[in-house]
Amino acid sequence: MTVKVYGIPNCGSVKKALDSLKNKGESIEFHDFKKQALAPELLDTWVQSLGLDRLINRKGTTWRNLSDADKALAESPEEAKALILKNLSLIKRPVVDQDGKLSIGQTEF
């Protein structure tokens, strides 16, 4: 089984998660938000499974740098998804898919 890890490589939480999974001997597939797009269908799955409140990182720099108007978009699921797809750094990291079981923000496995 391959564990899929989504995030950005210089994120401390992503690094910790990758190290933890490697130490367990897991096979890892890494999806770099900075270099690869995110399929809207995958985002839909995450929103359904995790919820927008858990998915959006409201403590990060990307969120803080948004205008108040853009922040207001995050209240509507469809507008929030469009906002996330334009600003992938809004996603709390890492998102980990272990055989269909999703976790977010977890660094120890």
N, C-alpha and C. Protein backbone atom coordinates (compact mmCIF):
# COMPACT_ATOMS: atom_id res chain seq x y z
N MET A 1 0.84 -1.18 0.00
CA MET A 1 0.00 0.00 0.00
C MET A 1 0.89 1.25 0.00
N THR A 2 0.54 2.20 -0.84
CA THR A 2 1.26 3.47 -0.90
C THR A 2 0.44 4.54 -0.18
N VAL A 3 1.09 5.26 0.71
CA VAL A 3 0.45 6.36 1.41
C VAL A 3 0.67 7.62 0.58
N LYS A 4 -0.41 8.36 0.32
CA LYS A 4 -0.30 9.61 -0.43
C LYS A 4 -0.27 10.77 0.56
N VAL A 5 0.75 11.61 0.41
CA VAL A 5 0.91 12.78 1.27
C VAL A 5 0.84 14.01 0.39
N TYR A 6 -0.04 14.95 0.75
CA TYR A 6 -0.24 16.18 0.00
C TYR A 6 0.23 17.35 0.85
N GLY A 7 1.02 18.24 0.25
CA GLY A 7 1.51 19.40 0.99
C GLY A 7 2.57 20.14 0.21
N ILE A 8 3.39 20.87 0.93
CA ILE A 8 4.52 21.56 0.32
C ILE A 8 5.78 21.08 1.04
N PRO A 9 6.86 20.90 0.29
CA PRO A 9 8.05 20.24 0.86
C PRO A 9 8.75 21.00 1.98
N ASN A 10 8.61 22.33 2.03
CA ASN A 10 9.33 23.06 3.06
C ASN A 10 8.49 23.30 4.32
N CYS A 11 7.30 22.71 4.39
CA CYS A 11 6.42 22.84 5.55
C CYS A 11 6.90 21.89 6.66
N GLY A 12 7.09 22.41 7.85
CA GLY A 12 7.57 21.61 8.97
C GLY A 12 6.66 20.44 9.29
N SER A 13 5.35 20.65 9.25
CA SER A 13 4.41 19.57 9.55
C SER A 13 4.48 18.46 8.50
N VAL A 14 4.65 18.85 7.26
CA VAL A 14 4.77 17.87 6.17
C VAL A 14 6.06 17.06 6.35
N LYS A 15 7.15 17.73 6.68
CA LYS A 15 8.42 17.04 6.90
C LYS A 15 8.30 16.02 8.03
N LYS A 16 7.66 16.42 9.14
CA LYS A 16 7.49 15.51 10.27
C LYS A 16 6.65 14.30 9.87
N ALA A 17 5.58 14.53 9.13
CA ALA A 17 4.72 13.43 8.69
C ALA A 17 5.48 12.48 7.78
N LEU A 18 6.23 13.03 6.82
CA LEU A 18 7.01 12.19 5.91
C LEU A 18 8.04 11.36 6.68
N ASP A 19 8.73 11.99 7.63
CA ASP A 19 9.71 11.27 8.45
C ASP A 19 9.04 10.16 9.24
N SER A 20 7.90 10.44 9.84
CA SER A 20 7.19 9.43 10.62
C SER A 20 6.76 8.25 9.76
N LEU A 21 6.25 8.54 8.58
CA LEU A 21 5.82 7.46 7.67
C LEU A 21 7.02 6.66 7.17
N LYS A 22 8.12 7.33 6.86
CA LYS A 22 9.33 6.64 6.41
C LYS A 22 9.87 5.73 7.51
N ASN A 23 9.85 6.22 8.75
CA ASN A 23 10.33 5.42 9.88
C ASN A 23 9.48 4.17 10.10
N LYS A 24 8.23 4.21 9.68
CA LYS A 24 7.36 3.04 9.78
C LYS A 24 7.53 2.12 8.57
N GLY A 25 8.35 2.54 7.61
CA GLY A 25 8.59 1.72 6.43
C GLY A 25 7.50 1.82 5.37
N GLU A 26 6.70 2.87 5.44
CA GLU A 26 5.61 3.05 4.47
C GLU A 26 6.16 3.49 3.12
N SER A 27 5.49 3.04 2.07
CA SER A 27 5.77 3.51 0.72
C SER A 27 4.98 4.80 0.54
N ILE A 28 5.66 5.88 0.13
CA ILE A 28 5.05 7.21 0.12
C ILE A 28 5.04 7.79 -1.30
N GLU A 29 3.90 8.36 -1.65
CA GLU A 29 3.77 9.15 -2.87
C GLU A 29 3.50 10.58 -2.41
N PHE A 30 4.37 11.52 -2.76
CA PHE A 30 4.23 12.91 -2.32
C PHE A 30 3.67 13.77 -3.43
N HIS A 31 2.65 14.55 -3.11
CA HIS A 31 2.04 15.49 -4.06
C HIS A 31 2.35 16.90 -3.59
N ASP A 32 3.18 17.59 -4.32
CA ASP A 32 3.64 18.93 -3.99
C ASP A 32 2.67 19.97 -4.55
N PHE A 33 1.97 20.68 -3.64
CA PHE A 33 1.02 21.71 -4.06
C PHE A 33 1.68 22.80 -4.89
N LYS A 34 2.95 23.07 -4.66
CA LYS A 34 3.63 24.15 -5.37
C LYS A 34 3.92 23.79 -6.83
N LYS A 35 4.04 22.49 -7.11
CA LYS A 35 4.42 22.06 -8.45
C LYS A 35 3.29 21.37 -9.21
N GLN A 36 2.32 20.84 -8.49
CA GLN A 36 1.25 20.08 -9.12
C GLN A 36 -0.10 20.68 -8.75
N ALA A 37 -0.99 20.70 -9.71
CA ALA A 37 -2.33 21.19 -9.44
C ALA A 37 -3.08 20.16 -8.60
N LEU A 38 -4.21 20.55 -8.09
CA LEU A 38 -5.06 19.65 -7.33
C LEU A 38 -6.36 19.49 -8.09
N ALA A 39 -6.75 18.26 -8.37
CA ALA A 39 -7.98 18.02 -9.11
C ALA A 39 -9.18 18.49 -8.30
N PRO A 40 -10.08 19.24 -8.92
CA PRO A 40 -11.27 19.70 -8.20
C PRO A 40 -12.07 18.54 -7.59
N GLU A 41 -12.09 17.40 -8.26
CA GLU A 41 -12.81 16.24 -7.74
C GLU A 41 -12.20 15.75 -6.43
N LEU A 42 -10.87 15.81 -6.34
CA LEU A 42 -10.19 15.40 -5.11
C LEU A 42 -10.51 16.38 -3.99
N LEU A 43 -10.53 17.66 -4.30
CA LEU A 43 -10.89 18.66 -3.30
C LEU A 43 -12.32 18.43 -2.83
N ASP A 44 -13.23 18.10 -3.74
CA ASP A 44 -14.61 17.79 -3.36
C ASP A 44 -14.65 16.65 -2.35
N THR A 45 -13.87 15.62 -2.59
CA THR A 45 -13.81 14.47 -1.69
C THR A 45 -13.30 14.90 -0.32
N TRP A 46 -12.27 15.71 -0.30
CA TRP A 46 -11.71 16.19 0.97
C TRP A 46 -12.73 17.02 1.74
N VAL A 47 -13.43 17.91 1.03
CA VAL A 47 -14.42 18.75 1.70
C VAL A 47 -15.54 17.89 2.29
N GLN A 48 -15.99 16.89 1.54
CA GLN A 48 -17.04 16.01 2.03
C GLN A 48 -16.57 15.20 3.23
N SER A 49 -15.35 14.72 3.17
CA SER A 49 -14.83 13.85 4.21
C SER A 49 -14.34 14.61 5.45
N LEU A 50 -13.62 15.72 5.23
CA LEU A 50 -12.98 16.44 6.32
C LEU A 50 -13.74 17.70 6.76
N GLY A 51 -14.46 18.30 5.83
CA GLY A 51 -15.17 19.54 6.11
C GLY A 51 -14.28 20.75 5.87
N LEU A 52 -14.90 21.85 5.48
CA LEU A 52 -14.14 23.07 5.18
C LEU A 52 -13.45 23.63 6.41
N ASP A 53 -14.11 23.54 7.57
CA ASP A 53 -13.51 24.09 8.78
C ASP A 53 -12.18 23.43 9.12
N ARG A 54 -12.08 22.14 8.89
CA ARG A 54 -10.83 21.44 9.16
C ARG A 54 -9.83 21.61 8.03
N LEU A 55 -10.32 21.78 6.82
CA LEU A 55 -9.45 21.82 5.64
C LEU A 55 -8.74 23.15 5.47
N ILE A 56 -9.42 24.25 5.77
CA ILE A 56 -8.82 25.57 5.55
C ILE A 56 -7.96 25.94 6.75
N ASN A 57 -6.73 26.32 6.44
CA ASN A 57 -5.78 26.76 7.48
C ASN A 57 -5.98 28.26 7.71
N ARG A 58 -6.76 28.58 8.73
CA ARG A 58 -7.06 29.98 9.03
C ARG A 58 -6.00 30.63 9.91
N LYS A 59 -4.96 29.90 10.24
CA LYS A 59 -3.88 30.46 11.06
C LYS A 59 -2.64 30.81 10.24
N GLY A 60 -2.62 30.40 9.00
CA GLY A 60 -1.44 30.57 8.17
C GLY A 60 -1.33 31.94 7.51
N THR A 61 -0.17 32.19 6.97
CA THR A 61 0.12 33.46 6.30
C THR A 61 -0.78 33.68 5.10
N THR A 62 -1.05 32.64 4.34
CA THR A 62 -1.89 32.80 3.15
C THR A 62 -3.26 33.32 3.53
N TRP A 63 -3.86 32.76 4.59
CA TRP A 63 -5.17 33.21 5.05
C TRP A 63 -5.10 34.67 5.53
N ARG A 64 -4.10 34.97 6.32
CA ARG A 64 -3.97 36.32 6.88
C ARG A 64 -3.78 37.37 5.77
N ASN A 65 -3.19 36.98 4.67
CA ASN A 65 -2.95 37.92 3.57
C ASN A 65 -4.14 38.09 2.63
N LEU A 66 -5.19 37.31 2.82
CA LEU A 66 -6.39 37.45 1.99
C LEU A 66 -7.15 38.71 2.38
N SER A 67 -7.85 39.26 1.42
CA SER A 67 -8.72 40.41 1.71
C SER A 67 -9.92 39.90 2.52
N ASP A 68 -10.59 40.80 3.18
CA ASP A 68 -11.79 40.43 3.93
C ASP A 68 -12.85 39.85 3.00
N ALA A 69 -12.92 40.37 1.79
CA ALA A 69 -13.89 39.86 0.81
C ALA A 69 -13.58 38.41 0.46
N ASP A 70 -12.30 38.09 0.27
CA ASP A 70 -11.92 36.71 -0.04
C ASP A 70 -12.18 35.80 1.15
N LYS A 71 -11.90 36.28 2.36
CA LYS A 71 -12.16 35.48 3.55
C LYS A 71 -13.65 35.16 3.67
N ALA A 72 -14.49 36.10 3.29
CA ALA A 72 -15.94 35.89 3.34
C ALA A 72 -16.37 34.79 2.38
N LEU A 73 -15.63 34.61 1.28
CA LEU A 73 -15.95 33.55 0.32
C LEU A 73 -15.84 32.17 0.95
N ALA A 74 -15.01 32.04 1.97
CA ALA A 74 -14.78 30.74 2.59
C ALA A 74 -16.01 30.23 3.34
N GLU A 75 -17.03 31.05 3.48
CA GLU A 75 -18.25 30.64 4.17
C GLU A 75 -19.17 29.82 3.27
N SER A 76 -19.04 29.98 1.98
CA SER A 76 -19.85 29.23 1.02
C SER A 76 -19.00 28.08 0.46
N PRO A 77 -19.50 26.84 0.54
CA PRO A 77 -18.67 25.71 0.08
C PRO A 77 -18.15 25.84 -1.35
N GLU A 78 -19.00 26.24 -2.27
CA GLU A 78 -18.56 26.33 -3.66
C GLU A 78 -17.53 27.45 -3.85
N GLU A 79 -17.77 28.59 -3.24
CA GLU A 79 -16.82 29.70 -3.36
C GLU A 79 -15.53 29.38 -2.61
N ALA A 80 -15.64 28.67 -1.49
CA ALA A 80 -14.44 28.28 -0.74
C ALA A 80 -13.58 27.33 -1.56
N LYS A 81 -14.21 26.41 -2.26
CA LYS A 81 -13.43 25.47 -3.09
C LYS A 81 -12.70 26.22 -4.20
N ALA A 82 -13.36 27.19 -4.83
CA ALA A 82 -12.71 27.98 -5.88
C ALA A 82 -11.54 28.77 -5.28
N LEU A 83 -11.74 29.33 -4.09
CA LEU A 83 -10.68 30.07 -3.42
C LEU A 83 -9.49 29.16 -3.10
N ILE A 84 -9.76 27.97 -2.63
CA ILE A 84 -8.70 27.00 -2.31
C ILE A 84 -7.93 26.62 -3.57
N LEU A 85 -8.64 26.36 -4.65
CA LEU A 85 -7.97 25.96 -5.89
C LEU A 85 -7.07 27.07 -6.43
N LYS A 86 -7.40 28.33 -6.14
CA LYS A 86 -6.55 29.46 -6.54
C LYS A 86 -5.39 29.66 -5.57
N ASN A 87 -5.57 29.20 -4.32
CA ASN A 87 -4.57 29.39 -3.27
C ASN A 87 -4.38 28.08 -2.52
N LEU A 88 -3.68 27.13 -3.12
CA LEU A 88 -3.55 25.81 -2.51
C LEU A 88 -2.87 25.84 -1.14
N SER A 89 -2.16 26.90 -0.85
CA SER A 89 -1.53 27.02 0.46
C SER A 89 -2.55 27.26 1.57
N LEU A 90 -3.81 27.45 1.22
CA LEU A 90 -4.86 27.59 2.22
C LEU A 90 -5.21 26.24 2.88
N ILE A 91 -4.79 25.16 2.25
CA ILE A 91 -5.09 23.84 2.79
C ILE A 91 -4.18 23.54 3.97
N LYS A 92 -4.79 23.13 5.07
CA LYS A 92 -4.02 22.73 6.24
C LYS A 92 -3.21 21.49 5.85
N ARG A 93 -1.97 21.44 6.28
CA ARG A 93 -1.07 20.37 5.85
C ARG A 93 -0.54 19.58 7.04
N PRO A 94 -0.17 18.36 6.73
CA PRO A 94 -0.36 17.61 5.49
C PRO A 94 -1.74 16.97 5.42
N VAL A 95 -2.18 16.70 4.21
CA VAL A 95 -3.34 15.83 4.00
C VAL A 95 -2.75 14.48 3.64
N VAL A 96 -3.16 13.45 4.38
CA VAL A 96 -2.60 12.11 4.17
C VAL A 96 -3.74 11.15 3.85
N ASP A 97 -3.55 10.40 2.79
CA ASP A 97 -4.52 9.38 2.38
C ASP A 97 -3.86 8.02 2.56
N GLN A 98 -4.32 7.30 3.58
CA GLN A 98 -3.82 5.96 3.85
C GLN A 98 -4.92 4.97 3.49
N ASP A 99 -4.85 4.46 2.27
CA ASP A 99 -5.81 3.48 1.80
C ASP A 99 -7.25 3.99 1.93
N GLY A 100 -7.47 5.25 1.53
CA GLY A 100 -8.80 5.83 1.56
C GLY A 100 -9.17 6.51 2.87
N LYS A 101 -8.38 6.33 3.90
CA LYS A 101 -8.64 7.00 5.18
C LYS A 101 -7.86 8.31 5.19
N LEU A 102 -8.58 9.42 5.29
CA LEU A 102 -7.95 10.74 5.24
C LEU A 102 -7.67 11.28 6.63
N SER A 103 -6.52 11.94 6.75
CA SER A 103 -6.20 12.69 7.96
C SER A 103 -5.60 14.02 7.51
N ILE A 104 -5.70 15.00 8.39
CA ILE A 104 -5.19 16.31 8.04
C ILE A 104 -4.48 16.90 9.26
N GLY A 105 -3.31 17.48 9.01
CA GLY A 105 -2.55 18.12 10.07
C GLY A 105 -1.83 17.17 11.00
N GLN A 106 -1.96 15.89 10.76
CA GLN A 106 -1.33 14.90 11.63
C GLN A 106 0.12 14.72 11.22
N THR A 107 1.02 14.64 12.21
CA THR A 107 2.44 14.51 11.89
C THR A 107 3.03 13.18 12.38
N GLU A 108 2.34 12.48 13.26
CA GLU A 108 2.83 11.19 13.77
C GLU A 108 1.93 10.08 13.26
N PHE A 109 2.54 9.02 12.75
CA PHE A 109 1.80 7.87 12.23
C PHE A 109 2.30 6.58 12.82
